[in-house]
């Protein structure tokens, strides 16, 4: 990449701070997901951005501030895409199938998100707890599951007595496991997690499992 392109990018960052912050978060997402909060290095992020550590600290205050911004961006992205599914326009079972399939597909396509969540769990949710943004983002996610489920109960499609938060966890758990444990599980049981046919079968099994869990 020539110096002219680098100069143009630097000019863009100077003139568009929102874009600059988004670009830093994108690079930092991979760094934090690969190395965790302790192992990630601001100078590596700065070098990849062709900017200075001082500029990153100017925007985010600290390494921990950047890490929290990365977490917020990660949760914001998945929740914003979920909102575009328009599940409220579908029949309850179709909506539930769509949500489970989306969760599986999104997590499989975004392993950085899974690693970030795993890292934050190692910190016992310390930084997530500091973010009102993330807590606010997760309210609509539960509301969406509750709306689908309660419609299904009213229409006689789903059985009564299932807690929406438990249903949300039941959806997330196998999809999360599919990414988080793919290397160990794959080695132990000789499963090729990159095989498209096997992935499609696993996806459909998870969708069917969740639907049967709530079906009347």
N, C-alpha and C. Protein backbone atom coordinates (compact mmCIF):
# COMPACT_ATOMS: atom_id res chain seq x y z
N UNK A 1 0.86 -1.19 0.00
CA UNK A 1 0.00 0.00 0.00
C UNK A 1 0.89 1.24 0.00
N UNK A 2 0.66 2.20 -0.94
CA UNK A 2 1.57 3.32 -1.06
C UNK A 2 1.28 4.41 -0.05
N UNK A 3 2.21 5.39 0.01
CA UNK A 3 2.11 6.43 1.01
C UNK A 3 0.90 7.34 0.78
N UNK A 4 0.50 7.48 -0.50
CA UNK A 4 -0.67 8.31 -0.81
C UNK A 4 -1.91 7.77 -0.15
N UNK A 5 -2.09 6.41 -0.23
CA UNK A 5 -3.25 5.77 0.39
C UNK A 5 -3.20 5.96 1.90
N UNK A 6 -2.01 5.77 2.49
CA UNK A 6 -1.87 5.96 3.94
C UNK A 6 -2.24 7.39 4.33
N UNK A 7 -1.79 8.36 3.52
CA UNK A 7 -2.08 9.76 3.82
C UNK A 7 -3.57 10.04 3.74
N UNK A 8 -4.24 9.42 2.73
CA UNK A 8 -5.68 9.60 2.59
C UNK A 8 -6.41 9.02 3.79
N UNK A 9 -5.97 7.85 4.27
CA UNK A 9 -6.60 7.24 5.43
C UNK A 9 -6.41 8.09 6.67
N UNK A 10 -5.19 8.65 6.84
CA UNK A 10 -4.95 9.51 7.99
C UNK A 10 -5.83 10.75 7.93
N UNK A 11 -6.01 11.30 6.72
CA UNK A 11 -6.86 12.47 6.56
C UNK A 11 -8.31 12.14 6.89
N UNK A 12 -8.75 10.93 6.46
CA UNK A 12 -10.11 10.50 6.74
C UNK A 12 -10.33 10.39 8.24
N UNK A 13 -9.34 9.82 8.96
CA UNK A 13 -9.47 9.68 10.40
C UNK A 13 -9.57 11.04 11.10
N UNK A 14 -8.78 12.01 10.58
CA UNK A 14 -8.78 13.33 11.19
C UNK A 14 -10.14 14.00 11.00
N UNK A 15 -10.73 13.80 9.83
CA UNK A 15 -11.98 14.47 9.50
C UNK A 15 -13.23 13.73 9.96
N UNK A 16 -13.09 12.47 10.31
CA UNK A 16 -14.25 11.65 10.67
C UNK A 16 -13.93 10.83 11.92
N UNK A 17 -14.05 11.45 13.09
CA UNK A 17 -13.70 10.73 14.32
C UNK A 17 -14.54 9.49 14.57
N UNK A 18 -15.82 9.51 14.17
CA UNK A 18 -16.67 8.33 14.36
C UNK A 18 -16.12 7.15 13.55
N UNK A 19 -15.71 7.41 12.33
CA UNK A 19 -15.11 6.36 11.49
C UNK A 19 -13.80 5.88 12.10
N UNK A 20 -13.03 6.81 12.62
CA UNK A 20 -11.77 6.44 13.26
C UNK A 20 -12.01 5.49 14.42
N UNK A 21 -12.96 5.85 15.27
CA UNK A 21 -13.26 5.01 16.43
C UNK A 21 -13.77 3.64 15.99
N UNK A 22 -14.62 3.60 14.96
CA UNK A 22 -15.14 2.32 14.46
C UNK A 22 -14.01 1.45 13.92
N UNK A 23 -13.05 2.08 13.22
CA UNK A 23 -11.92 1.32 12.68
C UNK A 23 -11.03 0.77 13.80
N UNK A 24 -10.81 1.59 14.83
CA UNK A 24 -10.01 1.13 15.97
C UNK A 24 -10.71 -0.05 16.65
N UNK A 25 -12.02 0.06 16.85
CA UNK A 25 -12.78 -1.01 17.50
C UNK A 25 -12.71 -2.30 16.68
N UNK A 26 -12.77 -2.17 15.36
CA UNK A 26 -12.70 -3.36 14.51
C UNK A 26 -11.37 -4.09 14.68
N UNK A 27 -10.28 -3.35 14.68
CA UNK A 27 -8.96 -3.96 14.86
C UNK A 27 -8.82 -4.50 16.29
N UNK A 28 -9.29 -3.72 17.25
CA UNK A 28 -9.16 -4.12 18.66
C UNK A 28 -10.00 -5.35 18.98
N UNK A 29 -11.13 -5.51 18.29
CA UNK A 29 -11.97 -6.69 18.51
C UNK A 29 -11.18 -7.97 18.29
N UNK A 30 -10.43 -8.01 17.21
CA UNK A 30 -9.64 -9.21 16.92
C UNK A 30 -8.51 -9.38 17.93
N UNK A 31 -7.87 -8.29 18.29
CA UNK A 31 -6.76 -8.36 19.25
C UNK A 31 -7.24 -8.85 20.61
N UNK A 32 -8.34 -8.29 21.10
CA UNK A 32 -8.86 -8.72 22.41
C UNK A 32 -9.42 -10.14 22.36
N UNK A 33 -10.06 -10.51 21.27
CA UNK A 33 -10.64 -11.85 21.18
C UNK A 33 -9.56 -12.92 21.12
N UNK A 34 -8.44 -12.59 20.51
CA UNK A 34 -7.34 -13.55 20.39
C UNK A 34 -6.51 -13.65 21.66
N UNK A 35 -6.32 -12.53 22.36
CA UNK A 35 -5.35 -12.50 23.45
C UNK A 35 -5.95 -12.14 24.81
N UNK A 36 -7.23 -11.79 24.82
CA UNK A 36 -7.84 -11.39 26.08
C UNK A 36 -7.41 -9.99 26.48
N UNK A 37 -8.00 -9.50 27.55
CA UNK A 37 -7.69 -8.14 28.01
C UNK A 37 -6.23 -8.04 28.45
N UNK A 38 -5.76 -9.00 29.21
CA UNK A 38 -4.40 -8.93 29.73
C UNK A 38 -3.35 -9.04 28.63
N UNK A 39 -3.61 -9.91 27.65
CA UNK A 39 -2.60 -10.16 26.62
C UNK A 39 -2.61 -9.19 25.46
N UNK A 40 -3.74 -8.52 25.24
CA UNK A 40 -3.84 -7.58 24.12
C UNK A 40 -2.91 -6.39 24.33
N UNK A 41 -2.37 -5.88 23.22
CA UNK A 41 -1.42 -4.76 23.32
C UNK A 41 -1.91 -3.59 22.48
N UNK A 42 -1.96 -2.43 23.09
CA UNK A 42 -2.40 -1.23 22.40
C UNK A 42 -1.45 -0.87 21.26
N UNK A 43 -0.14 -1.11 21.45
CA UNK A 43 0.79 -0.76 20.38
C UNK A 43 0.58 -1.62 19.14
N UNK A 44 0.12 -2.86 19.31
CA UNK A 44 -0.20 -3.71 18.16
C UNK A 44 -1.40 -3.14 17.40
N UNK A 45 -2.41 -2.71 18.16
CA UNK A 45 -3.59 -2.10 17.54
C UNK A 45 -3.20 -0.81 16.83
N UNK A 46 -2.37 0.00 17.47
CA UNK A 46 -1.94 1.27 16.87
C UNK A 46 -1.16 1.02 15.59
N UNK A 47 -0.29 0.02 15.60
CA UNK A 47 0.50 -0.28 14.41
C UNK A 47 -0.39 -0.74 13.27
N UNK A 48 -1.38 -1.59 13.57
CA UNK A 48 -2.30 -2.07 12.53
C UNK A 48 -3.12 -0.91 11.96
N UNK A 49 -3.41 0.08 12.79
CA UNK A 49 -4.19 1.25 12.36
C UNK A 49 -3.31 2.33 11.74
N UNK A 50 -2.01 2.16 11.86
CA UNK A 50 -1.05 3.19 11.42
C UNK A 50 -1.36 4.53 12.09
N UNK A 51 -1.58 4.42 13.39
CA UNK A 51 -1.82 5.60 14.20
C UNK A 51 -0.98 5.49 15.47
N UNK A 52 -1.19 6.38 16.41
CA UNK A 52 -0.40 6.37 17.64
C UNK A 52 -1.21 5.84 18.81
N UNK A 53 -0.51 5.32 19.81
CA UNK A 53 -1.18 4.90 21.04
C UNK A 53 -1.88 6.11 21.68
N UNK A 54 -1.24 7.27 21.56
CA UNK A 54 -1.83 8.47 22.14
C UNK A 54 -3.21 8.75 21.54
N UNK A 55 -3.36 8.53 20.24
CA UNK A 55 -4.65 8.76 19.59
C UNK A 55 -5.70 7.80 20.12
N UNK A 56 -5.34 6.54 20.32
CA UNK A 56 -6.28 5.55 20.85
C UNK A 56 -6.69 5.93 22.27
N UNK A 57 -5.73 6.34 23.07
CA UNK A 57 -6.07 6.77 24.43
C UNK A 57 -6.92 8.04 24.43
N UNK A 58 -6.70 8.88 23.43
CA UNK A 58 -7.50 10.10 23.31
C UNK A 58 -8.98 9.75 23.14
N UNK A 59 -9.27 8.74 22.31
CA UNK A 59 -10.65 8.36 22.02
C UNK A 59 -11.27 7.49 23.12
N UNK A 60 -10.48 6.61 23.72
CA UNK A 60 -11.05 5.60 24.61
C UNK A 60 -10.57 5.69 26.06
N UNK A 61 -9.62 6.55 26.32
CA UNK A 61 -9.20 6.79 27.69
C UNK A 61 -8.17 5.83 28.24
N UNK A 62 -8.36 4.56 27.98
CA UNK A 62 -7.46 3.54 28.53
C UNK A 62 -7.66 2.24 27.76
N UNK A 63 -6.80 1.29 28.05
CA UNK A 63 -6.95 -0.04 27.45
C UNK A 63 -8.27 -0.66 27.86
N UNK A 64 -8.63 -0.49 29.13
CA UNK A 64 -9.90 -1.03 29.63
C UNK A 64 -11.09 -0.33 28.97
N UNK A 65 -10.95 0.97 28.72
CA UNK A 65 -12.01 1.71 28.05
C UNK A 65 -12.22 1.23 26.63
N UNK A 66 -11.13 0.90 25.94
CA UNK A 66 -11.24 0.35 24.58
C UNK A 66 -11.86 -1.04 24.62
N UNK A 67 -11.47 -1.84 25.58
CA UNK A 67 -12.03 -3.18 25.73
C UNK A 67 -13.54 -3.11 25.95
N UNK A 68 -13.98 -2.19 26.79
CA UNK A 68 -15.41 -2.04 27.05
C UNK A 68 -16.14 -1.58 25.79
N UNK A 69 -15.52 -0.68 25.03
CA UNK A 69 -16.11 -0.22 23.78
C UNK A 69 -16.25 -1.37 22.78
N UNK A 70 -15.27 -2.26 22.77
CA UNK A 70 -15.31 -3.44 21.91
C UNK A 70 -16.48 -4.34 22.31
N UNK A 71 -16.64 -4.57 23.60
CA UNK A 71 -17.76 -5.39 24.08
C UNK A 71 -19.09 -4.78 23.68
N UNK A 72 -19.23 -3.48 23.87
CA UNK A 72 -20.48 -2.80 23.54
C UNK A 72 -20.78 -2.88 22.05
N UNK A 73 -19.76 -2.72 21.23
CA UNK A 73 -19.96 -2.81 19.79
C UNK A 73 -20.36 -4.21 19.37
N UNK A 74 -19.78 -5.22 20.00
CA UNK A 74 -20.08 -6.61 19.66
C UNK A 74 -21.52 -6.96 19.98
N UNK A 75 -21.98 -6.57 21.15
CA UNK A 75 -23.36 -6.83 21.54
C UNK A 75 -24.34 -5.99 20.71
N UNK A 76 -23.95 -4.77 20.42
CA UNK A 76 -24.82 -3.89 19.63
C UNK A 76 -25.05 -4.46 18.24
N UNK A 77 -24.01 -5.02 17.66
CA UNK A 77 -24.12 -5.55 16.30
C UNK A 77 -25.10 -6.71 16.22
N UNK A 78 -24.97 -7.68 17.11
CA UNK A 78 -25.86 -8.84 17.05
C UNK A 78 -27.30 -8.43 17.35
N UNK A 79 -27.49 -7.52 18.29
CA UNK A 79 -28.85 -7.10 18.64
C UNK A 79 -29.50 -6.30 17.52
N UNK A 80 -28.72 -5.48 16.81
CA UNK A 80 -29.29 -4.69 15.73
C UNK A 80 -29.70 -5.58 14.56
N UNK A 81 -28.93 -6.63 14.30
CA UNK A 81 -29.29 -7.55 13.22
C UNK A 81 -30.52 -8.36 13.61
N UNK A 82 -30.59 -8.78 14.87
CA UNK A 82 -31.78 -9.49 15.36
C UNK A 82 -33.04 -8.67 15.13
N UNK A 83 -32.94 -7.36 15.36
CA UNK A 83 -34.10 -6.49 15.23
C UNK A 83 -34.58 -6.42 13.78
N UNK A 84 -33.69 -6.69 12.84
CA UNK A 84 -34.05 -6.64 11.42
C UNK A 84 -34.73 -7.92 10.93
N UNK A 85 -34.84 -8.92 11.79
CA UNK A 85 -35.47 -10.18 11.39
C UNK A 85 -36.99 -10.06 11.30
N UNK A 86 -37.56 -9.07 11.98
CA UNK A 86 -39.02 -8.85 11.99
C UNK A 86 -39.77 -10.11 12.41
N UNK A 87 -39.34 -10.67 13.51
CA UNK A 87 -39.94 -11.91 14.01
C UNK A 87 -41.40 -11.74 14.39
N UNK A 88 -41.78 -10.52 14.75
CA UNK A 88 -43.16 -10.26 15.15
C UNK A 88 -44.15 -10.45 13.99
N UNK A 89 -43.64 -10.46 12.77
CA UNK A 89 -44.50 -10.64 11.60
C UNK A 89 -44.68 -12.10 11.22
N UNK A 90 -44.00 -13.00 11.93
CA UNK A 90 -44.06 -14.43 11.59
C UNK A 90 -44.94 -15.19 12.58
N UNK A 91 -45.43 -16.33 12.15
CA UNK A 91 -46.13 -17.23 13.08
C UNK A 91 -45.14 -17.66 14.16
N UNK A 92 -45.62 -17.97 15.37
CA UNK A 92 -44.72 -18.24 16.50
C UNK A 92 -43.65 -19.30 16.21
N UNK A 93 -44.03 -20.45 15.67
CA UNK A 93 -43.02 -21.48 15.44
C UNK A 93 -42.03 -21.06 14.37
N UNK A 94 -42.51 -20.41 13.32
CA UNK A 94 -41.61 -19.93 12.27
C UNK A 94 -40.65 -18.89 12.82
N UNK A 95 -41.16 -18.02 13.69
CA UNK A 95 -40.31 -16.99 14.30
C UNK A 95 -39.24 -17.62 15.18
N UNK A 96 -39.62 -18.62 15.95
CA UNK A 96 -38.65 -19.30 16.82
C UNK A 96 -37.60 -20.01 15.99
N UNK A 97 -38.02 -20.70 14.95
CA UNK A 97 -37.05 -21.37 14.07
C UNK A 97 -36.09 -20.37 13.44
N UNK A 98 -36.61 -19.24 13.02
CA UNK A 98 -35.77 -18.21 12.40
C UNK A 98 -34.76 -17.66 13.40
N UNK A 99 -35.20 -17.41 14.63
CA UNK A 99 -34.31 -16.87 15.65
C UNK A 99 -33.20 -17.85 16.00
N UNK A 100 -33.54 -19.12 16.17
CA UNK A 100 -32.53 -20.13 16.51
C UNK A 100 -31.52 -20.28 15.36
N UNK A 101 -32.02 -20.35 14.13
CA UNK A 101 -31.14 -20.49 12.97
C UNK A 101 -30.23 -19.28 12.83
N UNK A 102 -30.79 -18.09 13.05
CA UNK A 102 -29.97 -16.88 12.99
C UNK A 102 -28.87 -16.92 14.06
N UNK A 103 -29.22 -17.30 15.28
CA UNK A 103 -28.24 -17.36 16.36
C UNK A 103 -27.10 -18.32 16.01
N UNK A 104 -27.47 -19.48 15.48
CA UNK A 104 -26.46 -20.46 15.07
C UNK A 104 -25.55 -19.86 14.00
N UNK A 105 -26.16 -19.30 12.96
CA UNK A 105 -25.39 -18.77 11.83
C UNK A 105 -24.50 -17.60 12.24
N UNK A 106 -25.05 -16.70 13.06
CA UNK A 106 -24.28 -15.52 13.45
C UNK A 106 -23.07 -15.92 14.29
N UNK A 107 -23.28 -16.79 15.25
CA UNK A 107 -22.17 -17.16 16.11
C UNK A 107 -21.12 -17.96 15.35
N UNK A 108 -21.56 -18.81 14.43
CA UNK A 108 -20.60 -19.57 13.62
C UNK A 108 -19.77 -18.66 12.73
N UNK A 109 -20.38 -17.58 12.26
CA UNK A 109 -19.68 -16.65 11.36
C UNK A 109 -18.87 -15.60 12.10
N UNK A 110 -19.06 -15.52 13.43
CA UNK A 110 -18.38 -14.48 14.21
C UNK A 110 -17.69 -15.07 15.44
N UNK A 111 -16.66 -15.88 15.21
CA UNK A 111 -15.96 -16.50 16.35
C UNK A 111 -15.31 -15.48 17.28
N UNK A 112 -14.98 -14.29 16.76
CA UNK A 112 -14.42 -13.25 17.63
C UNK A 112 -15.41 -12.89 18.73
N UNK A 113 -16.71 -12.85 18.40
CA UNK A 113 -17.73 -12.54 19.40
C UNK A 113 -17.75 -13.60 20.49
N UNK A 114 -17.65 -14.86 20.10
CA UNK A 114 -17.66 -15.96 21.07
C UNK A 114 -16.44 -15.86 21.99
N UNK A 115 -15.28 -15.58 21.41
CA UNK A 115 -14.06 -15.50 22.23
C UNK A 115 -14.12 -14.30 23.18
N UNK A 116 -14.71 -13.20 22.71
CA UNK A 116 -14.87 -12.05 23.61
C UNK A 116 -15.74 -12.41 24.81
N UNK A 117 -16.85 -13.10 24.55
CA UNK A 117 -17.74 -13.50 25.63
C UNK A 117 -17.03 -14.46 26.58
N UNK A 118 -16.26 -15.39 26.02
CA UNK A 118 -15.50 -16.32 26.86
C UNK A 118 -14.50 -15.57 27.73
N UNK A 119 -13.80 -14.60 27.13
CA UNK A 119 -12.83 -13.81 27.90
C UNK A 119 -13.51 -13.03 29.01
N UNK A 120 -14.68 -12.45 28.69
CA UNK A 120 -15.37 -11.67 29.71
C UNK A 120 -15.88 -12.56 30.83
N UNK A 121 -16.24 -13.79 30.52
CA UNK A 121 -16.62 -14.74 31.56
C UNK A 121 -15.44 -15.06 32.47
N UNK A 122 -14.24 -15.08 31.90
CA UNK A 122 -13.05 -15.29 32.72
C UNK A 122 -12.85 -14.14 33.71
N UNK A 123 -13.35 -12.95 33.33
CA UNK A 123 -13.31 -11.80 34.22
C UNK A 123 -14.56 -11.72 35.08
N UNK A 124 -15.38 -12.78 35.03
CA UNK A 124 -16.62 -12.86 35.81
C UNK A 124 -17.57 -11.70 35.52
N UNK A 125 -17.55 -11.25 34.25
CA UNK A 125 -18.48 -10.21 33.84
C UNK A 125 -18.15 -8.83 34.41
N UNK A 126 -16.92 -8.65 34.87
CA UNK A 126 -16.55 -7.40 35.55
C UNK A 126 -16.78 -6.17 34.68
N UNK A 127 -16.38 -6.25 33.41
CA UNK A 127 -16.48 -5.08 32.54
C UNK A 127 -17.87 -4.96 31.93
N UNK A 128 -18.47 -6.07 31.63
CA UNK A 128 -19.85 -6.04 31.13
C UNK A 128 -20.77 -5.38 32.16
N UNK A 129 -20.53 -5.63 33.43
CA UNK A 129 -21.36 -5.06 34.50
C UNK A 129 -21.25 -3.54 34.55
N UNK A 130 -20.17 -3.00 34.01
CA UNK A 130 -19.97 -1.55 34.02
C UNK A 130 -20.74 -0.85 32.91
N UNK A 131 -21.25 -1.62 31.97
CA UNK A 131 -21.87 -1.04 30.78
C UNK A 131 -23.39 -1.04 30.85
N UNK A 132 -23.96 0.13 31.00
CA UNK A 132 -25.41 0.26 30.94
C UNK A 132 -25.90 0.03 29.51
N UNK A 133 -25.03 0.30 28.55
CA UNK A 133 -25.39 0.09 27.14
C UNK A 133 -25.68 -1.37 26.87
N UNK A 134 -24.80 -2.27 27.32
CA UNK A 134 -24.99 -3.69 27.07
C UNK A 134 -26.22 -4.21 27.80
N UNK A 135 -26.40 -3.76 29.03
CA UNK A 135 -27.58 -4.20 29.78
C UNK A 135 -28.86 -3.74 29.09
N UNK A 136 -28.83 -2.52 28.54
CA UNK A 136 -30.00 -2.01 27.83
C UNK A 136 -30.22 -2.76 26.51
N UNK A 137 -29.16 -3.12 25.83
CA UNK A 137 -29.26 -3.84 24.56
C UNK A 137 -29.90 -5.21 24.72
N UNK A 138 -29.67 -5.85 25.87
CA UNK A 138 -30.15 -7.21 26.06
C UNK A 138 -31.62 -7.28 26.48
N UNK A 139 -32.20 -6.16 26.86
CA UNK A 139 -33.62 -6.15 27.22
C UNK A 139 -34.49 -6.50 26.01
N UNK A 140 -34.29 -5.87 24.83
CA UNK A 140 -35.10 -6.23 23.67
C UNK A 140 -34.92 -7.69 23.24
N UNK A 141 -33.74 -8.25 23.48
CA UNK A 141 -33.51 -9.65 23.10
C UNK A 141 -34.42 -10.58 23.88
N UNK A 142 -34.54 -10.34 25.18
CA UNK A 142 -35.44 -11.15 26.00
C UNK A 142 -36.89 -10.84 25.67
N UNK A 143 -37.18 -9.57 25.44
CA UNK A 143 -38.55 -9.19 25.08
C UNK A 143 -38.99 -9.89 23.80
N UNK A 144 -38.07 -10.03 22.85
CA UNK A 144 -38.40 -10.69 21.58
C UNK A 144 -38.71 -12.16 21.80
N UNK A 145 -37.89 -12.83 22.60
CA UNK A 145 -38.14 -14.24 22.92
C UNK A 145 -39.47 -14.38 23.66
N UNK A 146 -39.71 -13.49 24.61
CA UNK A 146 -40.96 -13.54 25.38
C UNK A 146 -42.18 -13.34 24.45
N UNK A 147 -42.08 -12.40 23.53
CA UNK A 147 -43.20 -12.11 22.62
C UNK A 147 -43.51 -13.32 21.74
N UNK A 148 -42.46 -13.95 21.21
CA UNK A 148 -42.67 -15.15 20.38
C UNK A 148 -43.31 -16.26 21.19
N UNK A 149 -42.74 -16.49 22.36
CA UNK A 149 -43.22 -17.58 23.20
C UNK A 149 -44.66 -17.35 23.66
N UNK A 150 -44.96 -16.17 24.15
CA UNK A 150 -46.30 -15.91 24.66
C UNK A 150 -47.35 -15.94 23.56
N UNK A 151 -46.98 -15.51 22.36
CA UNK A 151 -47.91 -15.64 21.23
C UNK A 151 -48.18 -17.11 20.95
N UNK A 152 -47.13 -17.92 21.01
CA UNK A 152 -47.28 -19.35 20.77
C UNK A 152 -48.17 -20.02 21.80
N UNK A 153 -48.04 -19.58 23.06
CA UNK A 153 -48.89 -20.13 24.12
C UNK A 153 -50.35 -19.74 23.88
N UNK A 154 -50.57 -18.47 23.55
CA UNK A 154 -51.94 -18.00 23.31
C UNK A 154 -52.59 -18.73 22.14
N UNK A 155 -51.79 -19.05 21.13
CA UNK A 155 -52.32 -19.71 19.94
C UNK A 155 -52.38 -21.23 20.09
N UNK A 156 -51.95 -21.73 21.26
CA UNK A 156 -52.01 -23.16 21.50
C UNK A 156 -50.91 -23.96 20.82
N UNK A 157 -49.86 -23.26 20.38
CA UNK A 157 -48.74 -23.92 19.69
C UNK A 157 -47.67 -24.36 20.68
N UNK A 158 -47.40 -23.52 21.68
CA UNK A 158 -46.37 -23.81 22.68
C UNK A 158 -47.02 -24.13 24.03
N UNK A 159 -46.34 -24.94 24.81
CA UNK A 159 -46.83 -25.28 26.14
C UNK A 159 -46.55 -24.14 27.10
N UNK A 160 -47.34 -24.05 28.14
CA UNK A 160 -47.16 -23.01 29.14
C UNK A 160 -46.06 -23.41 30.13
N UNK A 161 -45.56 -22.42 30.87
CA UNK A 161 -44.64 -22.70 31.98
C UNK A 161 -43.17 -22.59 31.66
N UNK A 162 -42.80 -22.05 30.49
CA UNK A 162 -41.38 -21.90 30.15
C UNK A 162 -40.97 -20.44 30.39
N UNK A 163 -39.91 -20.25 31.15
CA UNK A 163 -39.40 -18.91 31.43
C UNK A 163 -38.66 -18.38 30.20
N UNK A 164 -38.97 -17.18 29.72
CA UNK A 164 -38.32 -16.64 28.52
C UNK A 164 -36.80 -16.54 28.64
N UNK A 165 -36.31 -16.20 29.82
CA UNK A 165 -34.85 -16.13 29.98
C UNK A 165 -34.23 -17.52 29.84
N UNK A 166 -34.89 -18.53 30.39
CA UNK A 166 -34.41 -19.90 30.24
C UNK A 166 -34.47 -20.34 28.78
N UNK A 167 -35.48 -19.90 28.06
CA UNK A 167 -35.59 -20.22 26.64
C UNK A 167 -34.47 -19.54 25.86
N UNK A 168 -34.20 -18.30 26.19
CA UNK A 168 -33.09 -17.58 25.56
C UNK A 168 -31.77 -18.31 25.80
N UNK A 169 -31.55 -18.76 27.02
CA UNK A 169 -30.33 -19.49 27.35
C UNK A 169 -30.27 -20.82 26.60
N UNK A 170 -31.42 -21.48 26.49
CA UNK A 170 -31.47 -22.76 25.77
C UNK A 170 -31.12 -22.58 24.30
N UNK A 171 -31.49 -21.45 23.73
CA UNK A 171 -31.14 -21.15 22.34
C UNK A 171 -29.65 -20.86 22.21
N UNK A 172 -29.15 -20.01 23.11
CA UNK A 172 -27.76 -19.56 23.00
C UNK A 172 -26.75 -20.67 23.27
N UNK A 173 -27.06 -21.55 24.24
CA UNK A 173 -26.06 -22.53 24.71
C UNK A 173 -25.51 -23.45 23.62
N UNK A 174 -26.35 -24.17 22.87
CA UNK A 174 -25.79 -25.07 21.86
C UNK A 174 -25.12 -24.34 20.71
N UNK A 175 -25.62 -23.14 20.39
CA UNK A 175 -25.00 -22.35 19.32
C UNK A 175 -23.62 -21.87 19.75
N UNK A 176 -23.52 -21.47 21.01
CA UNK A 176 -22.24 -21.03 21.58
C UNK A 176 -21.26 -22.20 21.63
N UNK A 177 -21.73 -23.33 22.10
CA UNK A 177 -20.89 -24.53 22.20
C UNK A 177 -20.35 -24.92 20.82
N UNK A 178 -21.15 -24.76 19.80
CA UNK A 178 -20.75 -25.13 18.45
C UNK A 178 -19.48 -24.42 18.01
N UNK A 179 -19.26 -23.21 18.54
CA UNK A 179 -18.05 -22.45 18.21
C UNK A 179 -16.99 -22.59 19.30
N UNK A 180 -17.40 -22.42 20.55
CA UNK A 180 -16.45 -22.38 21.65
C UNK A 180 -15.71 -23.71 21.84
N UNK A 181 -16.38 -24.81 21.58
CA UNK A 181 -15.80 -26.13 21.85
C UNK A 181 -15.47 -26.91 20.58
N UNK A 182 -15.45 -26.24 19.46
CA UNK A 182 -15.28 -26.94 18.20
C UNK A 182 -13.93 -27.67 18.11
N UNK A 183 -12.89 -27.08 18.65
CA UNK A 183 -11.56 -27.69 18.51
C UNK A 183 -11.42 -28.92 19.41
N UNK A 184 -11.77 -28.77 20.68
CA UNK A 184 -11.64 -29.91 21.59
C UNK A 184 -12.64 -31.01 21.25
N UNK A 185 -13.89 -30.62 21.03
CA UNK A 185 -14.93 -31.61 20.73
C UNK A 185 -14.63 -32.30 19.40
N UNK A 186 -14.18 -31.51 18.44
CA UNK A 186 -13.86 -32.08 17.13
C UNK A 186 -12.73 -33.09 17.19
N UNK A 187 -11.69 -32.78 17.98
CA UNK A 187 -10.56 -33.69 18.11
C UNK A 187 -10.95 -34.97 18.85
N UNK A 188 -11.69 -34.81 19.93
CA UNK A 188 -12.05 -35.97 20.74
C UNK A 188 -12.97 -36.93 19.99
N UNK A 189 -13.97 -36.36 19.28
CA UNK A 189 -14.97 -37.21 18.64
C UNK A 189 -14.82 -37.28 17.12
N UNK A 190 -13.68 -36.78 16.61
CA UNK A 190 -13.35 -36.88 15.18
C UNK A 190 -14.45 -36.27 14.31
N UNK A 191 -14.85 -35.04 14.68
CA UNK A 191 -15.87 -34.32 13.93
C UNK A 191 -15.21 -33.16 13.18
N UNK A 192 -15.51 -33.06 11.89
CA UNK A 192 -15.00 -31.96 11.08
C UNK A 192 -16.00 -30.81 11.15
N UNK A 193 -15.72 -29.81 11.95
CA UNK A 193 -16.65 -28.69 12.12
C UNK A 193 -16.68 -27.76 10.91
N UNK A 194 -15.80 -27.99 9.95
CA UNK A 194 -15.82 -27.19 8.73
C UNK A 194 -16.60 -27.86 7.60
N UNK A 195 -17.09 -29.07 7.84
CA UNK A 195 -17.84 -29.78 6.81
C UNK A 195 -19.23 -29.15 6.66
N UNK A 196 -19.57 -28.61 5.50
CA UNK A 196 -20.85 -27.92 5.32
C UNK A 196 -22.07 -28.80 5.59
N UNK A 197 -22.01 -30.05 5.16
CA UNK A 197 -23.15 -30.96 5.36
C UNK A 197 -23.36 -31.24 6.84
N UNK A 198 -22.27 -31.48 7.56
CA UNK A 198 -22.37 -31.75 8.99
C UNK A 198 -22.86 -30.51 9.74
N UNK A 199 -22.39 -29.35 9.31
CA UNK A 199 -22.82 -28.09 9.93
C UNK A 199 -24.31 -27.87 9.73
N UNK A 200 -24.79 -28.13 8.52
CA UNK A 200 -26.22 -27.96 8.22
C UNK A 200 -27.07 -28.92 9.06
N UNK A 201 -26.59 -30.13 9.24
CA UNK A 201 -27.31 -31.11 10.05
C UNK A 201 -27.34 -30.69 11.51
N UNK A 202 -26.21 -30.20 12.01
CA UNK A 202 -26.12 -29.75 13.39
C UNK A 202 -27.04 -28.54 13.61
N UNK A 203 -27.06 -27.65 12.66
CA UNK A 203 -27.93 -26.46 12.73
C UNK A 203 -29.39 -26.86 12.81
N UNK A 204 -29.81 -27.76 11.95
CA UNK A 204 -31.21 -28.19 11.93
C UNK A 204 -31.57 -28.95 13.21
N UNK A 205 -30.62 -29.72 13.74
CA UNK A 205 -30.87 -30.45 14.98
C UNK A 205 -31.12 -29.50 16.14
N UNK A 206 -30.33 -28.41 16.19
CA UNK A 206 -30.49 -27.44 17.27
C UNK A 206 -31.83 -26.72 17.14
N UNK A 207 -32.18 -26.32 15.91
CA UNK A 207 -33.48 -25.67 15.68
C UNK A 207 -34.61 -26.59 16.14
N UNK A 208 -34.55 -27.84 15.72
CA UNK A 208 -35.62 -28.80 16.05
C UNK A 208 -35.67 -29.06 17.55
N UNK A 209 -34.52 -29.14 18.19
CA UNK A 209 -34.47 -29.38 19.63
C UNK A 209 -35.17 -28.28 20.41
N UNK A 210 -34.93 -27.02 20.03
CA UNK A 210 -35.55 -25.89 20.72
C UNK A 210 -37.05 -25.86 20.47
N UNK A 211 -37.47 -26.10 19.25
CA UNK A 211 -38.89 -26.10 18.93
C UNK A 211 -39.61 -27.20 19.70
N UNK A 212 -39.03 -28.38 19.77
CA UNK A 212 -39.67 -29.49 20.51
C UNK A 212 -39.69 -29.20 22.01
N UNK A 213 -38.73 -28.41 22.50
CA UNK A 213 -38.70 -28.07 23.92
C UNK A 213 -39.93 -27.27 24.33
N UNK A 214 -40.42 -26.40 23.43
CA UNK A 214 -41.55 -25.55 23.79
C UNK A 214 -42.87 -25.99 23.15
N UNK A 215 -42.78 -26.87 22.14
CA UNK A 215 -44.01 -27.24 21.43
C UNK A 215 -44.98 -27.96 22.36
N UNK A 216 -46.27 -27.69 22.16
CA UNK A 216 -47.29 -28.28 23.00
C UNK A 216 -47.53 -29.74 22.62
